[in-house]
Amino acid sequence: MRTPSRRLKHLASAIFSELAQRKKSAAAQMQVIDLSIGSPDQPPAPELVEVLASAVRQPDAFGYPLSDGTEAFREEVARWYQYRFGVELDPEREVHSLMGSQDGLAHFALAWSDPGDIVLVPDPGYPIYAGSVHLAGAEPYPMPLREENGFLPDLAAIPEDVARRARFMILNYPNNPVSAVATLAFFEEVVAFAKKHDVIVVHDLAYSEMAFDGYRPPSFLQAEGAKEVGIEFNSFSKSFNMAGCRIAYVVGNAEIIKPLAVVKSNVDYGVFLPVQHMAVEALRRDRTSGEKSTVAPIYQERRDVLIASLKEAGWEIAPPKATMFVWARIPSGWTSREFAFALLERAGVVVVPGSAFGEQGEGYVRIALVQPPALLREAARRIGESGLLEPLR
């Protein structure tokens, strides 16, 4: 039998497949508390579900949608960006719909890189960042995200020859998996770097509305000159509990978006029209209600419960300012993979080893806040009783 493409060897699916298999085995022995995948466990607001249901009943709902999104969708994204970030966007040229931000990120490398090109990617980072580069035949160059630097890349440490060859740079703040945040001052440094080296900036802002303690994450496009060098992805998955709807968008520099739009027009026909109606209503309600994010308080409570419960169990972790994840340093003497599997086998708690996100993720695990507070307390209790935290005591 013929073998599949060598590109598949670079995709980070093996650890997640093994984790799923071990979880299945553990579930036969005990109740498993799954804190691995960042899939929201809450439904969208009932009003949004009603909009979707009504739109599905319309006779014209099932035709091919426009690849770049309906005019109403693009205009509402532009209005929301002005409301939320003070960023002006041309809805005709600077907004494009996507089937989830992962869709856009996966196809961007096909539009903007060739074999032999270099792409700067965060390490640790969401797997599709490096994965998309491998699929395009280009070479990912890891930018280490280290705790001592606040999990921000050290731009000055990127070799001159690498920066000169790089086609684009991927950033993600608030960050998955490390839950770090970035300031507007940092984004201004990124703009200066991009202009100096003629590098496109691709910023993933999927967690913009999932922030805590009054913190409001900025958009990269708020930095002076950002639209000259970059684009930004945002999504409805986390902000509005619409992960399964598969709708997101890219905004920013029109000339950078255009090649991605060409790729997209050749591989799909756009987002299902009723889902676009739902998304328009989500942004409109958020913009006009005068209320802050409805999802952030839920995850802030979960963060507080988990951090406090783990501290009681003997595992002290700095509380993140944003995202639906906790990035936790593990006890000494373990690899992140060994520790994650031991947690599953001894405590029935599923987390993701940091090494699944890159070499710099070794020594950490990612814990997703995707269970209610009672189960998070139970997970912390089990972890404390497992004996795995002894080196931390």
Protein backbone atom coordinates (compact mmCIF):
# COMPACT_ATOMS: atom_id res chain seq x y z
CA MET A 1 0.00 0.00 0.00
CA ARG A 2 1.21 3.51 -0.76
CA THR A 3 2.19 5.75 2.16
CA PRO A 4 0.49 9.07 2.91
CA SER A 5 2.14 12.46 2.47
CA ARG A 6 5.24 13.13 4.57
CA ARG A 7 3.60 16.39 5.63
CA LEU A 8 1.40 14.45 8.03
CA LYS A 9 4.42 13.55 10.15
CA HIS A 10 4.67 17.17 11.24
CA LEU A 11 1.08 17.49 12.46
CA ALA A 12 0.61 17.31 16.24
CA SER A 13 -2.09 14.67 16.32
CA ALA A 14 -0.26 11.72 17.88
CA ILE A 15 -0.28 12.97 21.48
CA PHE A 16 -3.95 13.95 21.30
CA SER A 17 -4.87 10.56 19.82
CA GLU A 18 -2.92 8.76 22.55
CA LEU A 19 -4.54 10.94 25.21
CA ALA A 20 -8.01 10.10 23.85
CA GLN A 21 -7.22 6.38 23.88
CA ARG A 22 -5.90 6.47 27.45
CA LYS A 23 -8.91 8.51 28.53
CA LYS A 24 -11.20 5.85 27.09
CA SER A 25 -9.35 3.13 29.01
CA ALA A 26 -9.43 5.12 32.27
CA ALA A 27 -13.16 5.81 31.89
CA ALA A 28 -13.81 2.07 32.18
CA GLN A 29 -12.30 2.17 35.69
CA MET A 30 -13.48 5.51 37.12
CA GLN A 31 -15.31 8.75 36.41
CA VAL A 32 -12.93 10.83 34.33
CA ILE A 33 -12.84 14.62 34.67
CA ASP A 34 -11.78 15.95 31.28
CA LEU A 35 -9.85 19.23 31.45
CA SER A 36 -8.00 18.75 28.18
CA ILE A 37 -9.72 20.24 25.13
CA GLY A 38 -10.79 23.89 25.12
CA SER A 39 -14.34 23.28 23.93
CA PRO A 40 -16.93 25.52 25.66
CA ASP A 41 -19.42 23.53 27.72
CA GLN A 42 -22.05 26.30 27.71
CA PRO A 43 -24.63 26.89 24.93
CA PRO A 44 -25.03 30.18 23.07
CA ALA A 45 -27.50 32.72 24.45
CA PRO A 46 -31.13 31.59 23.80
CA GLU A 47 -31.74 34.70 21.70
CA LEU A 48 -28.95 33.69 19.35
CA VAL A 49 -30.32 30.17 19.03
CA GLU A 50 -33.69 31.66 18.08
CA VAL A 51 -32.09 33.77 15.35
CA LEU A 52 -30.40 30.64 13.98
CA ALA A 53 -33.64 28.63 14.10
CA SER A 54 -35.59 31.37 12.35
CA ALA A 55 -32.93 31.79 9.65
CA VAL A 56 -32.85 28.05 8.93
CA ARG A 57 -36.58 28.16 8.12
CA GLN A 58 -36.11 30.71 5.34
CA PRO A 59 -36.37 29.23 1.83
CA ASP A 60 -33.19 30.92 0.62
CA ALA A 61 -31.07 29.69 3.56
CA PHE A 62 -29.51 26.73 1.80
CA GLY A 63 -27.89 28.28 -1.24
CA TYR A 64 -24.18 28.87 -1.65
CA PRO A 65 -23.10 31.81 0.52
CA LEU A 66 -20.50 34.34 -0.59
CA SER A 67 -16.98 33.20 0.30
CA ASP A 68 -16.07 36.50 1.93
CA GLY A 69 -19.25 36.74 4.01
CA THR A 70 -22.52 38.60 3.59
CA GLU A 71 -22.49 42.37 3.47
CA ALA A 72 -24.39 42.45 6.77
CA PHE A 73 -21.78 40.21 8.42
CA ARG A 74 -18.80 42.25 7.21
CA GLU A 75 -20.43 45.54 8.19
CA GLU A 76 -21.28 44.29 11.68
CA VAL A 77 -17.72 43.03 12.23
CA ALA A 78 -16.47 46.50 11.26
CA ARG A 79 -18.93 48.19 13.63
CA TRP A 80 -17.96 45.85 16.46
CA TYR A 81 -14.22 46.47 15.95
CA GLN A 82 -14.87 50.22 16.13
CA TYR A 83 -16.95 49.73 19.30
CA ARG A 84 -14.58 47.30 21.02
CA PHE A 85 -11.14 48.53 19.96
CA GLY A 86 -11.61 51.89 18.24
CA VAL A 87 -10.23 50.35 15.03
CA GLU A 88 -11.64 51.54 11.69
CA LEU A 89 -12.18 48.83 9.07
CA ASP A 90 -13.43 48.94 5.50
CA PRO A 91 -16.05 46.15 5.45
CA GLU A 92 -15.61 45.66 1.70
CA ARG A 93 -11.85 45.14 1.67
CA GLU A 94 -10.63 44.61 5.23
CA VAL A 95 -13.06 41.98 6.58
CA HIS A 96 -13.41 38.36 5.40
CA SER A 97 -15.47 35.56 6.95
CA LEU A 98 -13.92 32.20 7.88
CA MET A 99 -15.06 28.75 8.95
CA GLY A 100 -13.42 29.24 12.32
CA SER A 101 -10.10 30.98 12.91
CA GLN A 102 -8.30 27.64 12.53
CA ASP A 103 -9.57 27.54 8.95
CA GLY A 104 -7.98 30.91 8.21
CA LEU A 105 -4.76 30.10 10.02
CA ALA A 106 -4.47 26.74 8.24
CA HIS A 107 -4.84 28.30 4.80
CA PHE A 108 -2.84 31.49 5.36
CA ALA A 109 0.52 29.72 4.95
CA LEU A 110 -0.64 28.34 1.58
CA ALA A 111 -1.35 31.88 0.46
CA TRP A 112 1.82 33.51 1.74
CA SER A 113 4.69 31.01 1.83
CA ASP A 114 6.57 28.68 -0.50
CA PRO A 115 8.96 25.77 0.12
CA GLY A 116 12.18 27.13 1.57
CA ASP A 117 10.52 30.16 3.20
CA ILE A 118 10.73 30.72 6.95
CA VAL A 119 7.76 31.50 9.17
CA LEU A 120 8.18 32.70 12.76
CA VAL A 121 5.91 30.73 15.11
CA PRO A 122 5.51 30.79 18.91
CA ASP A 123 6.86 27.86 20.95
CA PRO A 124 4.82 26.69 22.76
CA GLY A 125 1.99 27.46 20.41
CA TYR A 126 -1.37 26.26 19.17
CA PRO A 127 -0.54 23.26 16.93
CA ILE A 128 -2.02 24.65 13.70
CA TYR A 129 0.54 27.48 13.69
CA ALA A 130 3.51 25.25 12.91
CA GLY A 131 1.27 22.64 11.28
CA SER A 132 0.01 25.04 8.62
CA VAL A 133 3.58 26.02 7.76
CA HIS A 134 4.59 22.38 7.31
CA LEU A 135 1.54 21.77 5.11
CA ALA A 136 2.63 24.64 2.88
CA GLY A 137 6.14 23.17 2.60
CA ALA A 138 7.75 26.10 4.41
CA GLU A 139 9.94 25.99 7.52
CA PRO A 140 8.66 27.09 10.94
CA TYR A 141 11.22 28.91 13.05
CA PRO A 142 10.29 28.71 16.75
CA MET A 143 10.20 31.86 18.86
CA PRO A 144 10.61 30.63 22.48
CA LEU A 145 7.96 31.84 24.93
CA ARG A 146 9.63 31.67 28.34
CA GLU A 147 8.23 32.36 31.77
CA GLU A 148 11.03 34.78 32.66
CA ASN A 149 10.02 36.95 29.66
CA GLY A 150 6.33 36.93 30.51
CA PHE A 151 5.86 34.37 27.72
CA LEU A 152 6.53 37.05 25.09
CA PRO A 153 8.97 36.33 22.24
CA ASP A 154 12.33 38.08 22.41
CA LEU A 155 12.33 39.80 19.03
CA ALA A 156 15.93 40.92 19.45
CA ALA A 157 17.04 37.29 19.77
CA ILE A 158 15.79 36.37 16.29
CA PRO A 159 18.89 36.07 14.06
CA GLU A 160 19.18 38.73 11.37
CA ASP A 161 19.34 36.20 8.53
CA VAL A 162 16.23 34.43 9.84
CA ALA A 163 14.29 37.70 10.14
CA ARG A 164 15.33 38.64 6.61
CA ARG A 165 14.03 35.34 5.16
CA ALA A 166 10.82 35.22 7.23
CA ARG A 167 7.57 35.72 5.31
CA PHE A 168 5.34 36.20 8.31
CA MET A 169 5.14 35.95 12.09
CA ILE A 170 2.29 34.38 14.09
CA LEU A 171 1.37 35.81 17.50
CA ASN A 172 -1.48 34.96 19.86
CA TYR A 173 -2.44 37.13 22.87
CA PRO A 174 -4.22 36.30 25.09
CA ASN A 175 -2.31 33.12 24.46
CA ASN A 176 -3.20 29.47 24.08
CA PRO A 177 -1.68 27.45 25.71
CA VAL A 178 0.29 29.65 28.14
CA SER A 179 -2.54 32.10 29.00
CA ALA A 180 -0.16 35.09 28.81
CA VAL A 181 -1.25 38.56 27.70
CA ALA A 182 0.51 41.32 25.75
CA THR A 183 0.49 45.09 26.01
CA LEU A 184 -0.02 47.64 23.27
CA ALA A 185 3.62 48.67 23.81
CA PHE A 186 4.72 45.15 22.88
CA PHE A 187 2.58 45.25 19.74
CA GLU A 188 4.25 48.53 18.79
CA GLU A 189 7.63 46.77 19.06
CA VAL A 190 6.25 44.06 16.77
CA VAL A 191 5.17 46.67 14.20
CA ALA A 192 8.67 48.18 14.22
CA PHE A 193 10.23 44.71 13.77
CA ALA A 194 7.85 43.90 10.93
CA LYS A 195 8.59 47.13 9.09
CA LYS A 196 12.33 46.73 9.52
CA HIS A 197 12.39 43.17 8.15
CA ASP A 198 9.38 43.30 5.77
CA VAL A 199 7.56 40.61 7.75
CA ILE A 200 3.78 40.17 7.79
CA VAL A 201 2.23 39.94 11.27
CA VAL A 202 -0.60 37.45 11.83
CA HIS A 203 -2.28 37.90 15.20
CA ASP A 204 -4.76 35.38 16.62
CA LEU A 205 -7.18 37.17 19.00
CA ALA A 206 -9.57 34.28 19.64
CA TYR A 207 -9.69 34.98 23.42
CA SER A 208 -10.35 38.73 23.25
CA GLU A 209 -13.53 38.51 25.35
CA MET A 210 -12.38 35.87 27.81
CA ALA A 211 -10.42 38.08 30.24
CA PHE A 212 -10.65 38.57 33.99
CA ASP A 213 -10.38 41.07 36.84
CA GLY A 214 -11.40 43.99 34.65
CA TYR A 215 -8.64 43.39 32.10
CA ARG A 216 -9.57 44.15 28.46
CA PRO A 217 -7.14 42.66 25.91
CA PRO A 218 -6.09 45.04 23.12
CA SER A 219 -6.23 44.34 19.42
CA PHE A 220 -2.93 44.23 17.58
CA LEU A 221 -4.53 46.61 15.09
CA GLN A 222 -4.69 49.29 17.78
CA ALA A 223 -0.91 49.69 17.57
CA GLU A 224 0.18 52.58 15.36
CA GLY A 225 1.02 51.32 11.87
CA ALA A 226 -0.28 47.80 12.57
CA LYS A 227 -2.65 47.74 9.63
CA GLU A 228 0.27 48.50 7.32
CA VAL A 229 1.95 45.21 8.23
CA GLY A 230 -0.63 42.81 9.57
CA ILE A 231 -3.96 41.12 10.00
CA GLU A 232 -5.91 39.70 12.93
CA PHE A 233 -8.12 36.66 13.36
CA ASN A 234 -11.05 36.58 15.76
CA SER A 235 -13.71 34.00 16.39
CA PHE A 236 -17.21 33.42 17.77
CA SER A 237 -16.22 30.05 19.26
CA LYS A 238 -15.11 31.21 22.71
CA SER A 239 -16.67 34.69 22.97
CA PHE A 240 -20.21 33.51 22.21
CA ASN A 241 -20.10 29.73 22.85
CA MET A 242 -20.48 29.05 19.11
CA ALA A 243 -17.56 26.64 18.65
CA GLY A 244 -19.54 24.10 16.61
CA CYS A 245 -20.97 26.78 14.32
CA ARG A 246 -17.54 27.26 12.69
CA ILE A 247 -17.56 30.98 12.07
CA ALA A 248 -14.82 33.55 12.49
CA TYR A 249 -13.21 36.34 10.50
CA VAL A 250 -9.94 37.96 9.51
CA VAL A 251 -9.51 41.74 9.51
CA GLY A 252 -6.75 44.20 8.69
CA ASN A 253 -4.55 44.90 5.68
CA ALA A 254 -6.58 44.33 2.52
CA GLU A 255 -3.59 43.32 0.39
CA ILE A 256 -2.58 40.69 2.95
CA ILE A 257 -6.13 39.31 3.17
CA LYS A 258 -6.56 39.11 -0.62
CA PRO A 259 -4.32 36.05 -1.28
CA LEU A 260 -5.98 34.20 1.60
CA ALA A 261 -9.34 35.02 0.02
CA VAL A 262 -8.13 33.50 -3.26
CA VAL A 263 -7.20 30.26 -1.50
CA LYS A 264 -10.51 30.22 0.36
CA SER A 265 -12.51 30.77 -2.83
CA ASN A 266 -10.93 27.62 -4.25
CA VAL A 267 -11.57 25.34 -1.28
CA ASP A 268 -15.01 26.32 0.06
CA TYR A 269 -18.11 28.42 -0.55
CA GLY A 270 -18.26 30.30 2.74
CA VAL A 271 -20.14 29.98 6.02
CA PHE A 272 -23.74 28.68 6.15
CA LEU A 273 -26.01 31.74 5.87
CA PRO A 274 -28.09 31.09 9.01
CA VAL A 275 -24.88 30.88 11.05
CA GLN A 276 -23.85 34.27 9.64
CA HIS A 277 -27.21 35.70 10.75
CA MET A 278 -26.57 34.31 14.22
CA ALA A 279 -23.09 35.84 14.28
CA VAL A 280 -24.38 39.25 13.21
CA GLU A 281 -26.88 39.20 16.06
CA ALA A 282 -24.18 38.13 18.54
CA LEU A 283 -22.01 41.13 17.66
CA ARG A 284 -24.97 43.52 17.50
CA ARG A 285 -26.25 42.49 20.93
CA ASP A 286 -22.77 42.71 22.43
CA ARG A 287 -22.26 46.17 20.92
CA THR A 288 -25.62 47.65 21.89
CA SER A 289 -26.40 46.01 25.22
CA GLY A 290 -23.83 48.00 27.19
CA GLU A 291 -22.89 44.83 29.06
CA LYS A 292 -19.47 43.26 29.37
CA SER A 293 -18.74 39.74 28.13
CA THR A 294 -21.16 37.12 29.42
CA VAL A 295 -18.60 34.32 29.19
CA ALA A 296 -15.75 35.95 31.12
CA PRO A 297 -17.44 35.86 34.58
CA ILE A 298 -18.11 32.12 34.20
CA TYR A 299 -14.46 31.36 33.48
CA GLN A 300 -13.18 33.80 36.06
CA GLU A 301 -15.15 31.93 38.74
CA ARG A 302 -13.78 28.63 37.46
CA ARG A 303 -10.23 29.99 37.40
CA ASP A 304 -10.57 31.20 40.99
CA VAL A 305 -12.03 27.88 42.18
CA LEU A 306 -9.36 25.78 40.47
CA ILE A 307 -6.41 27.95 41.54
CA ALA A 308 -7.60 28.04 45.17
CA SER A 309 -8.40 24.32 45.26
CA LEU A 310 -5.05 23.33 43.76
CA LYS A 311 -3.26 25.58 46.25
CA GLU A 312 -5.00 23.71 49.09
CA ALA A 313 -3.86 20.47 47.44
CA GLY A 314 -0.25 21.71 47.39
CA TRP A 315 0.04 23.00 43.81
CA GLU A 316 0.46 26.78 43.67
CA ILE A 317 -0.13 28.34 40.25
CA ALA A 318 -0.22 31.99 39.21
CA PRO A 319 -3.79 32.91 38.13
CA PRO A 320 -4.02 33.83 34.44
CA LYS A 321 -5.50 37.16 33.32
CA ALA A 322 -7.30 35.65 30.35
CA THR A 323 -8.27 32.58 28.26
CA MET A 324 -10.00 29.39 29.35
CA PHE A 325 -6.73 27.70 30.32
CA VAL A 326 -4.33 27.43 33.23
CA TRP A 327 -0.67 26.85 32.32
CA ALA A 328 0.91 25.00 35.22
CA ARG A 329 4.51 24.08 35.97
CA ILE A 330 4.72 20.41 36.99
CA PRO A 331 6.72 18.84 39.85
CA SER A 332 10.37 18.05 39.17
CA GLY A 333 11.34 14.56 38.12
CA TRP A 334 8.61 14.18 35.48
CA THR A 335 8.30 14.94 31.81
CA SER A 336 5.06 16.73 30.98
CA ARG A 337 3.86 13.67 29.08
CA GLU A 338 4.59 11.31 31.99
CA PHE A 339 2.92 13.63 34.46
CA ALA A 340 -0.22 14.10 32.34
CA PHE A 341 -0.63 10.33 31.90
CA ALA A 342 0.00 9.74 35.61
CA LEU A 343 -2.71 12.27 36.48
CA LEU A 344 -5.11 10.42 34.24
CA GLU A 345 -4.26 6.98 35.63
CA ARG A 346 -4.06 7.90 39.33
CA ALA A 347 -6.59 10.72 39.60
CA GLY A 348 -8.83 10.34 36.56
CA VAL A 349 -8.09 13.93 35.53
CA VAL A 350 -7.24 14.69 31.89
CA VAL A 351 -4.86 17.55 31.06
CA VAL A 352 -2.61 18.14 28.04
CA PRO A 353 1.17 17.81 28.37
CA GLY A 354 2.93 21.05 27.52
CA SER A 355 5.25 19.25 25.11
CA ALA A 356 2.25 18.78 22.79
CA PHE A 357 2.57 22.49 22.01
CA GLY A 358 6.29 22.60 21.32
CA GLU A 359 9.70 22.03 22.85
CA GLN A 360 9.37 25.00 25.22
CA GLY A 361 6.19 23.50 26.66
CA GLU A 362 8.16 20.79 28.42
CA GLY A 363 7.79 21.07 32.18
CA TYR A 364 4.18 22.30 32.05
CA VAL A 365 0.65 21.04 31.51
CA ARG A 366 -2.37 22.90 30.15
CA ILE A 367 -5.56 22.66 32.18
CA ALA A 368 -8.83 23.72 30.50
CA LEU A 369 -11.56 25.40 32.56
CA VAL A 370 -14.31 23.47 30.80
CA GLN A 371 -16.07 21.92 33.79
CA PRO A 372 -18.31 23.52 36.45
CA PRO A 373 -16.79 24.61 39.79
CA ALA A 374 -17.86 21.48 41.67
CA LEU A 375 -15.97 19.22 39.26
CA LEU A 376 -12.94 21.50 39.33
CA ARG A 377 -12.85 21.19 43.13
CA GLU A 378 -13.17 17.42 42.80
CA ALA A 379 -10.35 17.34 40.24
CA ALA A 380 -8.08 19.31 42.59
CA ARG A 381 -8.98 17.02 45.50
CA ARG A 382 -8.11 13.94 43.47
CA ILE A 383 -4.84 15.47 42.29
CA GLY A 384 -3.91 16.30 45.89
CA GLU A 385 -4.66 12.74 47.02
CA SER A 386 -2.79 11.15 44.11
CA GLY A 387 0.63 11.73 45.69
CA LEU A 388 1.92 13.28 42.46
CA LEU A 389 2.48 16.69 44.08
CA GLU A 390 4.88 15.49 46.76
CA PRO A 391 7.95 17.19 45.19
CA LEU A 392 6.09 20.52 45.47
CA ARG A 393 5.31 20.25 49.19
